[in-house]
């Protein structure tokens, strides 16, 4: 890919592409990562995955929230207990440190969403063989 086609973003700066604006923001994860506020002619959206927290991020009354909701607390604790009982490695401990739970996601969305906002849970964890 030609270098002229690659943009390197800085958190908090606004980048304009014709009638679209992108505002990147830092996310908390075990590797550097960013989320994005998208200001489009049709409305505003926010996209954030691979983070353990959205503390300090504000996106009030956006039209669409696409946020990672990687696990439910009770379900992940049960998977940990089952794996420990079977003497297996429980990756879920690390997942809880680096990913957002559905409860934390819901809390953040409810604090930011307006009456007409929509949301999508991104990157939900599914155990293999479980629907």
C-alpha atoms as a PDB file:
ATOM      1  CA  UNK A   1       0.000   0.000   0.000  1.00  0.00           C
ATOM      2  CA  UNK A   2       1.382   3.455  -0.853  1.00  0.00           C
ATOM      3  CA  UNK A   3       2.346   5.523   2.201  1.00  0.00           C
ATOM      4  CA  UNK A   4       0.169   8.378   0.944  1.00  0.00           C
ATOM      5  CA  UNK A   5      -2.862   6.123   1.579  1.00  0.00           C
ATOM      6  CA  UNK A   6      -1.982   5.550   5.238  1.00  0.00           C
ATOM      7  CA  UNK A   7      -3.093   7.989   7.914  1.00  0.00           C
ATOM      8  CA  UNK A   8      -1.614   7.801  11.408  1.00  0.00           C
ATOM      9  CA  UNK A   9      -4.082   9.185  13.923  1.00  0.00           C
ATOM     10  CA  UNK A  10      -3.443  11.020  17.170  1.00  0.00           C
ATOM     11  CA  UNK A  11      -6.070  10.671  19.898  1.00  0.00           C
ATOM     12  CA  UNK A  12      -8.294  13.707  20.356  1.00  0.00           C
ATOM     13  CA  UNK A  13      -7.591  15.279  16.974  1.00  0.00           C
ATOM     14  CA  UNK A  14     -10.327  15.585  14.363  1.00  0.00           C
ATOM     15  CA  UNK A  15      -9.619  14.283  10.882  1.00  0.00           C
ATOM     16  CA  UNK A  16     -11.797  15.423   7.966  1.00  0.00           C
ATOM     17  CA  UNK A  17     -12.419  13.461   4.794  1.00  0.00           C
ATOM     18  CA  UNK A  18     -14.826  15.463   2.632  1.00  0.00           C
ATOM     19  CA  UNK A  19     -18.042  15.459   4.710  1.00  0.00           C
ATOM     20  CA  UNK A  20     -16.890  12.831   7.242  1.00  0.00           C
ATOM     21  CA  UNK A  21     -15.030  13.525  10.499  1.00  0.00           C
ATOM     22  CA  UNK A  22     -13.137  10.917  12.523  1.00  0.00           C
ATOM     23  CA  UNK A  23     -12.107  11.585  16.116  1.00  0.00           C
ATOM     24  CA  UNK A  24      -9.876   8.806  17.511  1.00  0.00           C
ATOM     25  CA  UNK A  25      -9.609   8.246  21.265  1.00  0.00           C
ATOM     26  CA  UNK A  26      -7.363   6.026  23.379  1.00  0.00           C
ATOM     27  CA  UNK A  27      -8.692   2.763  24.741  1.00  0.00           C
ATOM     28  CA  UNK A  28      -7.395   0.793  27.716  1.00  0.00           C
ATOM     29  CA  UNK A  29      -6.059  -2.571  26.557  1.00  0.00           C
ATOM     30  CA  UNK A  30      -2.920  -4.705  26.914  1.00  0.00           C
ATOM     31  CA  UNK A  31      -1.678  -3.322  23.574  1.00  0.00           C
ATOM     32  CA  UNK A  32      -2.117   0.201  22.143  1.00  0.00           C
ATOM     33  CA  UNK A  33      -5.601   0.627  20.730  1.00  0.00           C
ATOM     34  CA  UNK A  34      -8.033   3.361  19.739  1.00  0.00           C
ATOM     35  CA  UNK A  35     -11.755   3.811  19.373  1.00  0.00           C
ATOM     36  CA  UNK A  36     -13.371   6.167  16.890  1.00  0.00           C
ATOM     37  CA  UNK A  37     -16.097   8.765  16.938  1.00  0.00           C
ATOM     38  CA  UNK A  38     -17.507   9.067  13.437  1.00  0.00           C
ATOM     39  CA  UNK A  39     -19.376  12.189  12.391  1.00  0.00           C
ATOM     40  CA  UNK A  40     -21.197  11.387   9.164  1.00  0.00           C
ATOM     41  CA  UNK A  41     -23.771  13.307   7.114  1.00  0.00           C
ATOM     42  CA  UNK A  42     -26.353  10.742   8.257  1.00  0.00           C
ATOM     43  CA  UNK A  43     -25.493  10.991  11.959  1.00  0.00           C
ATOM     44  CA  UNK A  44     -22.883  10.212  14.609  1.00  0.00           C
ATOM     45  CA  UNK A  45     -21.483   6.806  15.564  1.00  0.00           C
ATOM     46  CA  UNK A  46     -18.890   5.527  18.008  1.00  0.00           C
ATOM     47  CA  UNK A  47     -16.863   2.337  17.554  1.00  0.00           C
ATOM     48  CA  UNK A  48     -14.780   0.801  20.349  1.00  0.00           C
ATOM     49  CA  UNK A  49     -13.486  -2.742  20.760  1.00  0.00           C
ATOM     50  CA  UNK A  50     -10.665  -4.393  22.661  1.00  0.00           C
ATOM     51  CA  UNK A  51     -10.861  -2.280  25.775  1.00  0.00           C
ATOM     52  CA  UNK A  52     -11.457  -2.964  29.445  1.00  0.00           C
ATOM     53  CA  UNK A  53     -13.001   0.425  30.161  1.00  0.00           C
ATOM     54  CA  UNK A  54     -14.620   3.436  28.560  1.00  0.00           C
ATOM     55  CA  UNK A  55     -14.075   5.610  31.626  1.00  0.00           C
ATOM     56  CA  UNK A  56     -13.478   9.198  30.564  1.00  0.00           C
ATOM     57  CA  UNK A  57     -14.915   8.702  27.066  1.00  0.00           C
ATOM     58  CA  UNK A  58     -17.971  10.833  26.306  1.00  0.00           C
ATOM     59  CA  UNK A  59     -20.199  10.407  23.271  1.00  0.00           C
ATOM     60  CA  UNK A  60     -23.533  11.918  24.265  1.00  0.00           C
ATOM     61  CA  UNK A  61     -26.630  11.323  22.174  1.00  0.00           C
ATOM     62  CA  UNK A  62     -24.865   9.602  19.270  1.00  0.00           C
ATOM     63  CA  UNK A  63     -27.053   7.799  16.766  1.00  0.00           C
ATOM     64  CA  UNK A  64     -25.178   4.492  16.892  1.00  0.00           C
ATOM     65  CA  UNK A  65     -22.931   2.848  19.472  1.00  0.00           C
ATOM     66  CA  UNK A  66     -20.841  -0.111  18.302  1.00  0.00           C
ATOM     67  CA  UNK A  67     -19.152  -1.239  21.491  1.00  0.00           C
ATOM     68  CA  UNK A  68     -17.446  -4.449  22.505  1.00  0.00           C
ATOM     69  CA  UNK A  69     -19.417  -6.472  25.023  1.00  0.00           C
ATOM     70  CA  UNK A  70     -17.099  -9.436  25.290  1.00  0.00           C
ATOM     71  CA  UNK A  71     -18.646 -11.411  28.144  1.00  0.00           C
ATOM     72  CA  UNK A  72     -21.246 -11.562  30.897  1.00  0.00           C
ATOM     73  CA  UNK A  73     -19.807 -11.626  34.409  1.00  0.00           C
ATOM     74  CA  UNK A  74     -21.697 -14.675  35.697  1.00  0.00           C
ATOM     75  CA  UNK A  75     -21.033 -16.698  32.552  1.00  0.00           C
ATOM     76  CA  UNK A  76     -17.288 -15.999  32.492  1.00  0.00           C
ATOM     77  CA  UNK A  77     -16.950 -16.840  36.201  1.00  0.00           C
ATOM     78  CA  UNK A  78     -18.684 -20.175  35.532  1.00  0.00           C
ATOM     79  CA  UNK A  79     -16.294 -20.929  32.653  1.00  0.00           C
ATOM     80  CA  UNK A  80     -13.337 -20.121  34.923  1.00  0.00           C
ATOM     81  CA  UNK A  81     -14.650 -22.435  37.660  1.00  0.00           C
ATOM     82  CA  UNK A  82     -15.231 -25.268  35.173  1.00  0.00           C
ATOM     83  CA  UNK A  83     -11.765 -24.938  33.654  1.00  0.00           C
ATOM     84  CA  UNK A  84     -10.084 -24.755  37.060  1.00  0.00           C
ATOM     85  CA  UNK A  85     -11.996 -27.843  38.205  1.00  0.00           C
ATOM     86  CA  UNK A  86     -10.820 -29.669  35.063  1.00  0.00           C
ATOM     87  CA  UNK A  87      -7.235 -28.477  35.614  1.00  0.00           C
ATOM     88  CA  UNK A  88      -7.332 -26.417  32.405  1.00  0.00           C
ATOM     89  CA  UNK A  89      -5.864 -23.022  31.653  1.00  0.00           C
ATOM     90  CA  UNK A  90      -8.501 -20.271  32.035  1.00  0.00           C
ATOM     91  CA  UNK A  91      -7.818 -17.578  29.438  1.00  0.00           C
ATOM     92  CA  UNK A  92     -10.902 -15.844  30.797  1.00  0.00           C
ATOM     93  CA  UNK A  93      -8.848 -14.259  33.599  1.00  0.00           C
ATOM     94  CA  UNK A  94      -6.884 -12.312  31.001  1.00  0.00           C
ATOM     95  CA  UNK A  95     -10.007 -11.605  28.961  1.00  0.00           C
ATOM     96  CA  UNK A  96     -11.577  -9.912  31.984  1.00  0.00           C
ATOM     97  CA  UNK A  97      -8.519  -7.668  32.390  1.00  0.00           C
ATOM     98  CA  UNK A  98      -8.446  -6.560  28.764  1.00  0.00           C
ATOM     99  CA  UNK A  99     -12.039  -6.640  27.528  1.00  0.00           C
ATOM    100  CA  UNK A 100     -15.304  -4.959  28.388  1.00  0.00           C
ATOM    101  CA  UNK A 101     -18.080  -6.885  30.080  1.00  0.00           C
ATOM    102  CA  UNK A 102     -21.675  -6.540  28.929  1.00  0.00           C
ATOM    103  CA  UNK A 103     -22.528  -4.877  32.260  1.00  0.00           C
ATOM    104  CA  UNK A 104     -19.809  -2.214  31.852  1.00  0.00           C
ATOM    105  CA  UNK A 105     -20.797  -1.716  28.218  1.00  0.00           C
ATOM    106  CA  UNK A 106     -24.472  -1.296  29.124  1.00  0.00           C
ATOM    107  CA  UNK A 107     -23.658   1.183  31.889  1.00  0.00           C
ATOM    108  CA  UNK A 108     -21.576   3.324  29.535  1.00  0.00           C
ATOM    109  CA  UNK A 109     -24.144   3.197  26.719  1.00  0.00           C
ATOM    110  CA  UNK A 110     -26.973   4.139  29.110  1.00  0.00           C
ATOM    111  CA  UNK A 111     -24.919   7.095  30.383  1.00  0.00           C
ATOM    112  CA  UNK A 112     -24.299   8.356  26.838  1.00  0.00           C
ATOM    113  CA  UNK A 113     -27.181   7.273  24.596  1.00  0.00           C
ATOM    114  CA  UNK A 114     -30.149   9.459  23.765  1.00  0.00           C
ATOM    115  CA  UNK A 115     -33.769   8.354  23.361  1.00  0.00           C
ATOM    116  CA  UNK A 116     -33.302   7.475  19.678  1.00  0.00           C
ATOM    117  CA  UNK A 117     -29.821   5.967  19.878  1.00  0.00           C
ATOM    118  CA  UNK A 118     -29.128   2.408  18.744  1.00  0.00           C
ATOM    119  CA  UNK A 119     -26.342   0.081  19.845  1.00  0.00           C
ATOM    120  CA  UNK A 120     -24.619  -3.074  18.653  1.00  0.00           C
ATOM    121  CA  UNK A 121     -22.594  -5.394  20.870  1.00  0.00           C
ATOM    122  CA  UNK A 122     -19.323  -6.098  19.071  1.00  0.00           C
ATOM    123  CA  UNK A 123     -16.967  -9.073  19.479  1.00  0.00           C
ATOM    124  CA  UNK A 124     -18.986 -11.139  21.909  1.00  0.00           C
ATOM    125  CA  UNK A 125     -17.075 -14.116  23.275  1.00  0.00           C
ATOM    126  CA  UNK A 126     -18.570 -17.458  22.305  1.00  0.00           C
ATOM    127  CA  UNK A 127     -17.149 -20.720  23.574  1.00  0.00           C
ATOM    128  CA  UNK A 128     -16.476 -23.147  20.731  1.00  0.00           C
ATOM    129  CA  UNK A 129     -19.317 -25.598  20.298  1.00  0.00           C
ATOM    130  CA  UNK A 130     -21.726 -23.364  22.212  1.00  0.00           C
ATOM    131  CA  UNK A 131     -24.371 -21.367  20.383  1.00  0.00           C
END
